[in-house]
Amino acid sequence: MRKYWTIFKINWQKSVEYRVNFLAHLGMGLISFWVMYFIWSAVFKNQPNFGGFTFSTMMTYVLMTKFLHFTNRGNIAREIGQESKDGSFSFYMVKPISYLRWWFSAFLAERAFEFIIRLLMITVFLSYFPK
């Protein structure tokens, strides 16, 4: 189990290695939240309801879909296929680790980092637009 914790830590460090990427990712997320906020505030400006939604419920929907979007963004199948194609898959076959556990540890580290970024974006957004 210790080896998978090490894999998690290495992939976590890889995720936070580039600070500019982190700040750009955070900034782009906030910009997309603000754009959606202004678009939906314009839609709801003249009418309190749109398709059965109020402005508050629509913004909750937008925030939650943005927050949960990262769970479906994995390219694991593509990467496994690429490793199989270029021959690097055999590297894992001769090591005393489980290939699926290795991928799960790496995936968990990336998603944990992404989760923290999304949580920061929502916190900053809600501090500027509390209603």
C-alpha atoms as a PDB file:
ATOM      1  CA  MET A   1       0.000   0.000   0.000  1.00  0.00           C
ATOM      2  CA  ARG A   2       2.939   2.300   0.681  1.00  0.00           C
ATOM      3  CA  LYS A   3       4.009   2.183  -2.951  1.00  0.00           C
ATOM      4  CA  TYR A   4       0.591   3.432  -4.078  1.00  0.00           C
ATOM      5  CA  TRP A   5       0.765   6.260  -1.553  1.00  0.00           C
ATOM      6  CA  THR A   6       4.130   7.178  -3.095  1.00  0.00           C
ATOM      7  CA  ILE A   7       2.532   7.131  -6.566  1.00  0.00           C
ATOM      8  CA  PHE A   8      -0.216   9.407  -5.233  1.00  0.00           C
ATOM      9  CA  LYS A   9       2.339  11.847  -3.778  1.00  0.00           C
ATOM     10  CA  ILE A  10       4.405  11.927  -6.981  1.00  0.00           C
ATOM     11  CA  ASN A  11       1.343  12.653  -9.118  1.00  0.00           C
ATOM     12  CA  TRP A  12       0.172  15.281  -6.619  1.00  0.00           C
ATOM     13  CA  GLN A  13       3.578  16.994  -6.902  1.00  0.00           C
ATOM     14  CA  LYS A  14       3.310  16.804 -10.683  1.00  0.00           C
ATOM     15  CA  SER A  15      -0.062  18.554 -10.482  1.00  0.00           C
ATOM     16  CA  VAL A  16       1.187  21.444  -8.331  1.00  0.00           C
ATOM     17  CA  GLU A  17       4.584  21.720 -10.003  1.00  0.00           C
ATOM     18  CA  TYR A  18       3.693  24.484 -12.408  1.00  0.00           C
ATOM     19  CA  ARG A  19       2.278  27.418 -10.474  1.00  0.00           C
ATOM     20  CA  VAL A  20       1.466  29.465 -13.552  1.00  0.00           C
ATOM     21  CA  ASN A  21      -0.682  26.622 -14.888  1.00  0.00           C
ATOM     22  CA  PHE A  22      -2.425  26.452 -11.526  1.00  0.00           C
ATOM     23  CA  LEU A  23      -3.134  30.193 -11.495  1.00  0.00           C
ATOM     24  CA  ALA A  24      -4.210  30.168 -15.146  1.00  0.00           C
ATOM     25  CA  HIS A  25      -6.558  27.273 -14.501  1.00  0.00           C
ATOM     26  CA  LEU A  26      -8.025  29.063 -11.501  1.00  0.00           C
ATOM     27  CA  GLY A  27      -8.362  32.330 -13.451  1.00  0.00           C
ATOM     28  CA  MET A  28     -10.027  30.706 -16.458  1.00  0.00           C
ATOM     29  CA  GLY A  29     -12.463  28.925 -14.196  1.00  0.00           C
ATOM     30  CA  LEU A  30     -13.407  32.178 -12.487  1.00  0.00           C
ATOM     31  CA  ILE A  31     -13.794  33.955 -15.818  1.00  0.00           C
ATOM     32  CA  SER A  32     -16.122  31.235 -17.087  1.00  0.00           C
ATOM     33  CA  PHE A  33     -18.187  31.514 -13.888  1.00  0.00           C
ATOM     34  CA  TRP A  34     -18.462  35.277 -14.317  1.00  0.00           C
ATOM     35  CA  VAL A  35     -19.439  34.958 -17.966  1.00  0.00           C
ATOM     36  CA  MET A  36     -22.180  32.473 -17.089  1.00  0.00           C
ATOM     37  CA  TYR A  37     -23.336  34.733 -14.261  1.00  0.00           C
ATOM     38  CA  PHE A  38     -23.715  37.731 -16.563  1.00  0.00           C
ATOM     39  CA  ILE A  39     -25.359  35.724 -19.337  1.00  0.00           C
ATOM     40  CA  TRP A  40     -27.960  34.262 -16.998  1.00  0.00           C
ATOM     41  CA  SER A  41     -28.515  37.565 -15.202  1.00  0.00           C
ATOM     42  CA  ALA A  42     -29.320  39.111 -18.604  1.00  0.00           C
ATOM     43  CA  VAL A  43     -31.741  36.276 -19.384  1.00  0.00           C
ATOM     44  CA  PHE A  44     -33.512  36.642 -16.040  1.00  0.00           C
ATOM     45  CA  LYS A  45     -33.495  40.452 -16.064  1.00  0.00           C
ATOM     46  CA  ASN A  46     -36.992  40.832 -17.543  1.00  0.00           C
ATOM     47  CA  GLN A  47     -38.569  37.603 -16.339  1.00  0.00           C
ATOM     48  CA  PRO A  48     -38.348  35.808 -12.983  1.00  0.00           C
ATOM     49  CA  ASN A  49     -38.737  32.343 -14.543  1.00  0.00           C
ATOM     50  CA  PHE A  50     -37.129  30.726 -17.575  1.00  0.00           C
ATOM     51  CA  GLY A  51     -38.046  27.145 -18.414  1.00  0.00           C
ATOM     52  CA  GLY A  52     -39.114  26.484 -14.843  1.00  0.00           C
ATOM     53  CA  PHE A  53     -35.859  27.800 -13.379  1.00  0.00           C
ATOM     54  CA  THR A  54     -35.245  30.890 -11.293  1.00  0.00           C
ATOM     55  CA  PHE A  55     -31.958  32.763 -11.478  1.00  0.00           C
ATOM     56  CA  SER A  56     -30.817  31.223  -8.209  1.00  0.00           C
ATOM     57  CA  THR A  57     -31.593  27.657  -9.267  1.00  0.00           C
ATOM     58  CA  MET A  58     -29.957  28.182 -12.657  1.00  0.00           C
ATOM     59  CA  MET A  59     -26.762  29.495 -11.066  1.00  0.00           C
ATOM     60  CA  THR A  60     -26.751  26.564  -8.650  1.00  0.00           C
ATOM     61  CA  TYR A  61     -27.084  24.240 -11.626  1.00  0.00           C
ATOM     62  CA  VAL A  62     -24.235  25.976 -13.479  1.00  0.00           C
ATOM     63  CA  LEU A  63     -21.952  25.914 -10.445  1.00  0.00           C
ATOM     64  CA  MET A  64     -22.621  22.265  -9.719  1.00  0.00           C
ATOM     65  CA  THR A  65     -22.091  21.168 -13.318  1.00  0.00           C
ATOM     66  CA  LYS A  66     -18.807  23.078 -13.457  1.00  0.00           C
ATOM     67  CA  PHE A  67     -17.794  21.566 -10.141  1.00  0.00           C
ATOM     68  CA  LEU A  68     -18.634  17.993 -11.139  1.00  0.00           C
ATOM     69  CA  HIS A  69     -17.355  18.230 -14.705  1.00  0.00           C
ATOM     70  CA  PHE A  70     -13.849  17.253 -13.699  1.00  0.00           C
ATOM     71  CA  THR A  71     -14.937  13.709 -12.777  1.00  0.00           C
ATOM     72  CA  ASN A  72     -15.651  12.941 -16.431  1.00  0.00           C
ATOM     73  CA  ARG A  73     -12.522  14.521 -17.864  1.00  0.00           C
ATOM     74  CA  GLY A  74     -10.253  11.535 -17.562  1.00  0.00           C
ATOM     75  CA  ASN A  75      -8.189  10.455 -20.517  1.00  0.00           C
ATOM     76  CA  ILE A  76      -7.215   7.204 -18.861  1.00  0.00           C
ATOM     77  CA  ALA A  77      -8.521   4.956 -21.638  1.00  0.00           C
ATOM     78  CA  ARG A  78      -6.667   6.990 -24.243  1.00  0.00           C
ATOM     79  CA  GLU A  79      -3.449   6.937 -22.198  1.00  0.00           C
ATOM     80  CA  ILE A  80      -3.685   3.191 -21.576  1.00  0.00           C
ATOM     81  CA  GLY A  81      -4.211   2.672 -25.303  1.00  0.00           C
ATOM     82  CA  GLN A  82      -1.202   4.853 -26.073  1.00  0.00           C
ATOM     83  CA  GLU A  83       0.950   2.926 -23.579  1.00  0.00           C
ATOM     84  CA  SER A  84      -0.133  -0.313 -25.195  1.00  0.00           C
ATOM     85  CA  LYS A  85       0.647   1.056 -28.660  1.00  0.00           C
ATOM     86  CA  ASP A  86       4.078   2.509 -27.871  1.00  0.00           C
ATOM     87  CA  GLY A  87       5.198  -0.437 -25.725  1.00  0.00           C
ATOM     88  CA  SER A  88       5.526   1.333 -22.374  1.00  0.00           C
ATOM     89  CA  PHE A  89       2.749  -0.870 -20.983  1.00  0.00           C
ATOM     90  CA  SER A  90       5.298  -3.674 -20.570  1.00  0.00           C
ATOM     91  CA  PHE A  91       7.135  -1.497 -18.032  1.00  0.00           C
ATOM     92  CA  TYR A  92       4.309  -2.096 -15.561  1.00  0.00           C
ATOM     93  CA  MET A  93       4.174  -5.831 -16.261  1.00  0.00           C
ATOM     94  CA  VAL A  94       7.679  -6.445 -14.882  1.00  0.00           C
ATOM     95  CA  LYS A  95       7.208  -4.315 -11.770  1.00  0.00           C
ATOM     96  CA  PRO A  96       5.709  -5.622  -8.517  1.00  0.00           C
ATOM     97  CA  ILE A  97       2.694  -3.306  -8.707  1.00  0.00           C
ATOM     98  CA  SER A  98      -0.861  -3.625  -9.867  1.00  0.00           C
ATOM     99  CA  TYR A  99      -1.400  -1.673 -13.053  1.00  0.00           C
ATOM    100  CA  LEU A 100      -4.977  -0.742 -12.124  1.00  0.00           C
ATOM    101  CA  ARG A 101      -3.984   0.356  -8.622  1.00  0.00           C
ATOM    102  CA  TRP A 102      -1.173   2.449 -10.097  1.00  0.00           C
ATOM    103  CA  TRP A 103      -3.636   4.201 -12.406  1.00  0.00           C
ATOM    104  CA  PHE A 104      -6.153   4.627  -9.590  1.00  0.00           C
ATOM    105  CA  SER A 105      -3.508   6.279  -7.367  1.00  0.00           C
ATOM    106  CA  ALA A 106      -2.427   8.614 -10.157  1.00  0.00           C
ATOM    107  CA  PHE A 107      -6.047   9.431 -11.066  1.00  0.00           C
ATOM    108  CA  LEU A 108      -6.961  10.093  -7.427  1.00  0.00           C
ATOM    109  CA  ALA A 109      -4.052  12.525  -7.001  1.00  0.00           C
ATOM    110  CA  GLU A 110      -5.006  14.493 -10.117  1.00  0.00           C
ATOM    111  CA  ARG A 111      -8.679  14.601  -9.171  1.00  0.00           C
ATOM    112  CA  ALA A 112      -7.929  15.637  -5.585  1.00  0.00           C
ATOM    113  CA  PHE A 113      -5.919  18.579  -6.895  1.00  0.00           C
ATOM    114  CA  GLU A 114      -8.675  19.445  -9.369  1.00  0.00           C
ATOM    115  CA  PHE A 115     -11.254  19.201  -6.579  1.00  0.00           C
ATOM    116  CA  ILE A 116      -9.346  21.739  -4.486  1.00  0.00           C
ATOM    117  CA  ILE A 117      -9.055  24.118  -7.458  1.00  0.00           C
ATOM    118  CA  ARG A 118     -12.787  23.876  -8.162  1.00  0.00           C
ATOM    119  CA  LEU A 119     -13.597  24.427  -4.510  1.00  0.00           C
ATOM    120  CA  LEU A 120     -11.402  27.542  -4.494  1.00  0.00           C
ATOM    121  CA  MET A 121     -13.123  28.840  -7.638  1.00  0.00           C
ATOM    122  CA  ILE A 122     -16.576  28.383  -6.172  1.00  0.00           C
ATOM    123  CA  THR A 123     -15.532  30.004  -2.891  1.00  0.00           C
ATOM    124  CA  VAL A 124     -14.084  33.051  -4.653  1.00  0.00           C
ATOM    125  CA  PHE A 125     -17.096  33.300  -6.963  1.00  0.00           C
ATOM    126  CA  LEU A 126     -19.585  33.052  -4.106  1.00  0.00           C
ATOM    127  CA  SER A 127     -17.704  35.660  -2.097  1.00  0.00           C
ATOM    128  CA  TYR A 128     -18.183  38.150  -4.972  1.00  0.00           C
ATOM    129  CA  PHE A 129     -21.731  37.082  -5.868  1.00  0.00           C
ATOM    130  CA  PRO A 130     -23.319  35.748  -2.657  1.00  0.00           C
ATOM    131  CA  LYS A 131     -26.931  35.664  -3.856  1.00  0.00           C
END
